[in-house]
Amino acid sequence: MAKKSVIARQKKREATVAKFAEKRAALKEAGDYAALSQLPRNASPVRLKNRCQLTGRPKGYMRYFGLGRVMFRDMALAGKIPGVKKASW
């Protein structure tokens, strides 16, 4: 599991991106790059990192499920993800 501080930092970035999304879009539309550079750096969506919703793991992220590969496997084997089952042929 990722450190609590890293997960908290990510949540804070997500909130900042959501807060400034409208303002960023308006400034980009107007082409006012000087004012755009005055916004907080964490307001840019590029600074977000996809992380597992349960553990905060940054690598092995499966976008469709919002989980890391380890938690996805555990939940799939336990039958907690509908429509997913172990392949066998």
N, C-alpha and C. Protein backbone atom coordinates (compact mmCIF):
# COMPACT_ATOMS: atom_id res chain seq x y z
N MET A 1 0.84 -1.19 0.00
CA MET A 1 0.00 0.00 0.00
C MET A 1 0.88 1.24 0.00
N ALA A 2 0.45 2.25 -0.74
CA ALA A 2 1.19 3.50 -0.81
C ALA A 2 1.08 4.24 0.52
N LYS A 3 2.05 5.13 0.74
CA LYS A 3 2.03 5.91 1.97
C LYS A 3 0.79 6.81 2.01
N LYS A 4 0.28 7.00 3.20
CA LYS A 4 -0.92 7.83 3.37
C LYS A 4 -0.70 9.25 2.85
N SER A 5 0.52 9.76 3.02
CA SER A 5 0.80 11.12 2.58
C SER A 5 0.74 11.25 1.06
N VAL A 6 1.17 10.21 0.35
CA VAL A 6 1.14 10.23 -1.11
C VAL A 6 -0.31 10.18 -1.60
N ILE A 7 -1.12 9.36 -0.95
CA ILE A 7 -2.54 9.26 -1.32
C ILE A 7 -3.25 10.58 -1.03
N ALA A 8 -2.93 11.20 0.11
CA ALA A 8 -3.54 12.49 0.47
C ALA A 8 -3.12 13.58 -0.51
N ARG A 9 -1.86 13.56 -0.93
CA ARG A 9 -1.36 14.55 -1.88
C ARG A 9 -2.10 14.41 -3.22
N GLN A 10 -2.34 13.18 -3.64
CA GLN A 10 -3.06 12.94 -4.89
C GLN A 10 -4.49 13.45 -4.79
N LYS A 11 -5.15 13.20 -3.66
CA LYS A 11 -6.53 13.68 -3.48
C LYS A 11 -6.58 15.21 -3.50
N LYS A 12 -5.58 15.83 -2.91
CA LYS A 12 -5.51 17.29 -2.89
C LYS A 12 -5.33 17.83 -4.31
N ARG A 13 -4.50 17.15 -5.11
CA ARG A 13 -4.31 17.57 -6.50
C ARG A 13 -5.60 17.42 -7.29
N GLU A 14 -6.33 16.33 -7.06
CA GLU A 14 -7.59 16.12 -7.77
C GLU A 14 -8.59 17.22 -7.45
N ALA A 15 -8.62 17.63 -6.19
CA ALA A 15 -9.53 18.72 -5.79
C ALA A 15 -9.13 20.03 -6.44
N THR A 16 -7.82 20.30 -6.51
CA THR A 16 -7.33 21.53 -7.12
C THR A 16 -7.63 21.56 -8.61
N VAL A 17 -7.45 20.44 -9.28
CA VAL A 17 -7.75 20.36 -10.72
C VAL A 17 -9.23 20.64 -10.95
N ALA A 18 -10.10 20.04 -10.13
CA ALA A 18 -11.54 20.25 -10.28
C ALA A 18 -11.92 21.71 -10.01
N LYS A 19 -11.26 22.32 -9.04
CA LYS A 19 -11.57 23.70 -8.66
C LYS A 19 -11.24 24.68 -9.78
N PHE A 20 -10.11 24.47 -10.44
CA PHE A 20 -9.65 25.43 -11.45
C PHE A 20 -9.95 25.00 -12.88
N ALA A 21 -10.69 23.93 -13.09
CA ALA A 21 -10.94 23.40 -14.44
C ALA A 21 -11.61 24.44 -15.34
N GLU A 22 -12.66 25.08 -14.84
CA GLU A 22 -13.39 26.07 -15.64
C GLU A 22 -12.51 27.27 -15.99
N LYS A 23 -11.79 27.75 -14.98
CA LYS A 23 -10.93 28.91 -15.17
C LYS A 23 -9.82 28.61 -16.18
N ARG A 24 -9.21 27.42 -16.07
CA ARG A 24 -8.16 27.01 -17.01
C ARG A 24 -8.69 26.94 -18.43
N ALA A 25 -9.89 26.37 -18.59
CA ALA A 25 -10.48 26.25 -19.92
C ALA A 25 -10.74 27.62 -20.53
N ALA A 26 -11.25 28.55 -19.71
CA ALA A 26 -11.53 29.90 -20.21
C ALA A 26 -10.24 30.62 -20.61
N LEU A 27 -9.20 30.49 -19.81
CA LEU A 27 -7.93 31.15 -20.12
C LEU A 27 -7.28 30.54 -21.36
N LYS A 28 -7.38 29.24 -21.53
CA LYS A 28 -6.83 28.60 -22.72
C LYS A 28 -7.58 29.03 -23.97
N GLU A 29 -8.91 29.14 -23.83
CA GLU A 29 -9.74 29.57 -24.96
C GLU A 29 -9.36 30.99 -25.39
N ALA A 30 -9.11 31.85 -24.39
CA ALA A 30 -8.76 33.24 -24.68
C ALA A 30 -7.31 33.37 -25.13
N GLY A 31 -6.50 32.37 -24.88
CA GLY A 31 -5.09 32.42 -25.25
C GLY A 31 -4.25 33.25 -24.30
N ASP A 32 -4.75 33.43 -23.09
CA ASP A 32 -4.05 34.24 -22.08
C ASP A 32 -3.09 33.34 -21.28
N TYR A 33 -1.93 33.09 -21.86
CA TYR A 33 -0.98 32.15 -21.25
C TYR A 33 -0.24 32.76 -20.07
N ALA A 34 -0.19 34.08 -20.00
CA ALA A 34 0.44 34.73 -18.85
C ALA A 34 -0.40 34.50 -17.60
N ALA A 35 -1.71 34.66 -17.72
CA ALA A 35 -2.61 34.42 -16.58
C ALA A 35 -2.68 32.93 -16.26
N LEU A 36 -2.56 32.10 -17.29
CA LEU A 36 -2.59 30.65 -17.09
C LEU A 36 -1.40 30.19 -16.26
N SER A 37 -0.27 30.84 -16.46
CA SER A 37 0.93 30.46 -15.71
C SER A 37 0.87 30.93 -14.25
N GLN A 38 -0.06 31.83 -13.94
CA GLN A 38 -0.21 32.31 -12.57
C GLN A 38 -1.05 31.37 -11.70
N LEU A 39 -1.74 30.44 -12.34
CA LEU A 39 -2.54 29.47 -11.59
C LEU A 39 -1.60 28.50 -10.87
N PRO A 40 -2.08 27.84 -9.82
CA PRO A 40 -1.23 26.86 -9.13
C PRO A 40 -0.81 25.73 -10.07
N ARG A 41 0.40 25.23 -9.87
CA ARG A 41 0.89 24.16 -10.74
C ARG A 41 0.05 22.90 -10.61
N ASN A 42 -0.46 22.64 -9.41
CA ASN A 42 -1.26 21.44 -9.21
C ASN A 42 -2.66 21.56 -9.81
N ALA A 43 -2.97 22.69 -10.43
CA ALA A 43 -4.26 22.85 -11.09
C ALA A 43 -4.23 22.22 -12.49
N SER A 44 -3.06 21.83 -12.95
CA SER A 44 -2.94 21.21 -14.26
C SER A 44 -3.26 19.72 -14.18
N PRO A 45 -4.16 19.23 -15.05
CA PRO A 45 -4.52 17.81 -15.00
C PRO A 45 -3.37 16.87 -15.37
N VAL A 46 -2.33 17.41 -16.00
CA VAL A 46 -1.18 16.59 -16.37
C VAL A 46 -0.46 16.07 -15.13
N ARG A 47 -0.58 16.76 -14.03
CA ARG A 47 0.12 16.37 -12.81
C ARG A 47 -0.57 15.25 -12.04
N LEU A 48 -1.76 14.84 -12.49
CA LEU A 48 -2.45 13.73 -11.84
C LEU A 48 -1.85 12.40 -12.27
N LYS A 49 -1.89 11.44 -11.37
CA LYS A 49 -1.38 10.10 -11.65
C LYS A 49 -2.48 9.11 -11.34
N ASN A 50 -2.72 8.17 -12.25
CA ASN A 50 -3.72 7.14 -11.99
C ASN A 50 -3.23 6.23 -10.88
N ARG A 51 -4.06 6.04 -9.85
CA ARG A 51 -3.71 5.20 -8.72
C ARG A 51 -4.87 4.29 -8.38
N CYS A 52 -4.54 3.14 -7.81
CA CYS A 52 -5.55 2.18 -7.35
C CYS A 52 -6.42 2.87 -6.28
N GLN A 53 -7.73 2.69 -6.39
CA GLN A 53 -8.65 3.33 -5.44
C GLN A 53 -8.53 2.75 -4.04
N LEU A 54 -8.11 1.49 -3.93
CA LEU A 54 -8.06 0.83 -2.63
C LEU A 54 -6.70 0.96 -1.96
N THR A 55 -5.62 0.80 -2.72
CA THR A 55 -4.29 0.78 -2.12
C THR A 55 -3.44 1.99 -2.45
N GLY A 56 -3.77 2.71 -3.52
CA GLY A 56 -2.97 3.86 -3.92
C GLY A 56 -1.77 3.48 -4.77
N ARG A 57 -1.68 2.21 -5.19
CA ARG A 57 -0.55 1.75 -5.99
C ARG A 57 -0.55 2.46 -7.35
N PRO A 58 0.60 3.06 -7.75
CA PRO A 58 0.64 3.81 -9.00
C PRO A 58 0.91 2.97 -10.25
N LYS A 59 1.52 1.81 -10.06
CA LYS A 59 1.88 0.98 -11.22
C LYS A 59 0.90 -0.17 -11.36
N GLY A 60 0.73 -0.66 -12.57
CA GLY A 60 -0.19 -1.76 -12.81
C GLY A 60 -1.64 -1.35 -12.66
N TYR A 61 -1.96 -0.14 -13.05
CA TYR A 61 -3.31 0.41 -12.89
C TYR A 61 -4.17 -0.02 -14.08
N MET A 62 -5.37 -0.50 -13.80
CA MET A 62 -6.32 -0.87 -14.84
C MET A 62 -7.41 0.18 -14.88
N ARG A 63 -7.40 0.99 -15.91
CA ARG A 63 -8.27 2.16 -16.00
C ARG A 63 -9.75 1.81 -15.94
N TYR A 64 -10.15 0.74 -16.62
CA TYR A 64 -11.56 0.37 -16.69
C TYR A 64 -12.14 0.07 -15.31
N PHE A 65 -11.33 -0.50 -14.43
CA PHE A 65 -11.81 -0.88 -13.11
C PHE A 65 -11.38 0.10 -12.02
N GLY A 66 -10.38 0.92 -12.28
CA GLY A 66 -9.90 1.87 -11.28
C GLY A 66 -9.09 1.20 -10.19
N LEU A 67 -8.54 0.02 -10.49
CA LEU A 67 -7.81 -0.76 -9.50
C LEU A 67 -6.42 -1.11 -10.03
N GLY A 68 -5.53 -1.39 -9.09
CA GLY A 68 -4.23 -1.92 -9.44
C GLY A 68 -4.37 -3.41 -9.75
N ARG A 69 -3.35 -3.97 -10.40
CA ARG A 69 -3.43 -5.36 -10.83
C ARG A 69 -3.56 -6.34 -9.67
N VAL A 70 -2.93 -6.02 -8.54
CA VAL A 70 -2.96 -6.93 -7.39
C VAL A 70 -4.36 -6.99 -6.80
N MET A 71 -4.96 -5.83 -6.56
CA MET A 71 -6.31 -5.80 -5.99
C MET A 71 -7.34 -6.32 -6.98
N PHE A 72 -7.12 -6.05 -8.28
CA PHE A 72 -8.03 -6.58 -9.29
C PHE A 72 -8.05 -8.11 -9.24
N ARG A 73 -6.88 -8.71 -9.15
CA ARG A 73 -6.79 -10.17 -9.11
C ARG A 73 -7.46 -10.74 -7.87
N ASP A 74 -7.18 -10.11 -6.71
CA ASP A 74 -7.80 -10.58 -5.47
C ASP A 74 -9.32 -10.49 -5.52
N MET A 75 -9.82 -9.37 -6.01
CA MET A 75 -11.27 -9.18 -6.06
C MET A 75 -11.92 -10.08 -7.12
N ALA A 76 -11.24 -10.29 -8.24
CA ALA A 76 -11.79 -11.14 -9.30
C ALA A 76 -11.86 -12.59 -8.82
N LEU A 77 -10.83 -13.06 -8.14
CA LEU A 77 -10.83 -14.44 -7.65
C LEU A 77 -11.87 -14.64 -6.54
N ALA A 78 -12.14 -13.57 -5.79
CA ALA A 78 -13.14 -13.65 -4.73
C ALA A 78 -14.56 -13.47 -5.27
N GLY A 79 -14.69 -13.15 -6.57
CA GLY A 79 -16.01 -12.98 -7.19
C GLY A 79 -16.65 -11.65 -6.88
N LYS A 80 -15.85 -10.64 -6.53
CA LYS A 80 -16.41 -9.33 -6.16
C LYS A 80 -16.56 -8.38 -7.34
N ILE A 81 -16.04 -8.77 -8.52
CA ILE A 81 -16.18 -7.95 -9.72
C ILE A 81 -17.11 -8.69 -10.67
N PRO A 82 -18.31 -8.17 -10.92
CA PRO A 82 -19.27 -8.87 -11.77
C PRO A 82 -18.76 -9.03 -13.20
N GLY A 83 -18.98 -10.21 -13.75
CA GLY A 83 -18.63 -10.47 -15.14
C GLY A 83 -17.19 -10.85 -15.37
N VAL A 84 -16.38 -10.91 -14.33
CA VAL A 84 -14.97 -11.24 -14.47
C VAL A 84 -14.74 -12.61 -13.85
N LYS A 85 -14.13 -13.49 -14.63
CA LYS A 85 -13.78 -14.80 -14.08
C LYS A 85 -12.44 -15.23 -14.65
N LYS A 86 -11.82 -16.16 -14.00
CA LYS A 86 -10.49 -16.63 -14.40
C LYS A 86 -10.62 -17.39 -15.72
N ALA A 87 -9.72 -17.10 -16.62
CA ALA A 87 -9.74 -17.77 -17.92
C ALA A 87 -9.17 -19.17 -17.81
N SER A 88 -9.73 -20.09 -18.55
CA SER A 88 -9.15 -21.44 -18.64
C SER A 88 -9.53 -22.00 -20.01
N TRP A 89 -8.58 -22.66 -20.63
CA TRP A 89 -8.84 -23.25 -21.93
C TRP A 89 -8.01 -24.49 -22.10
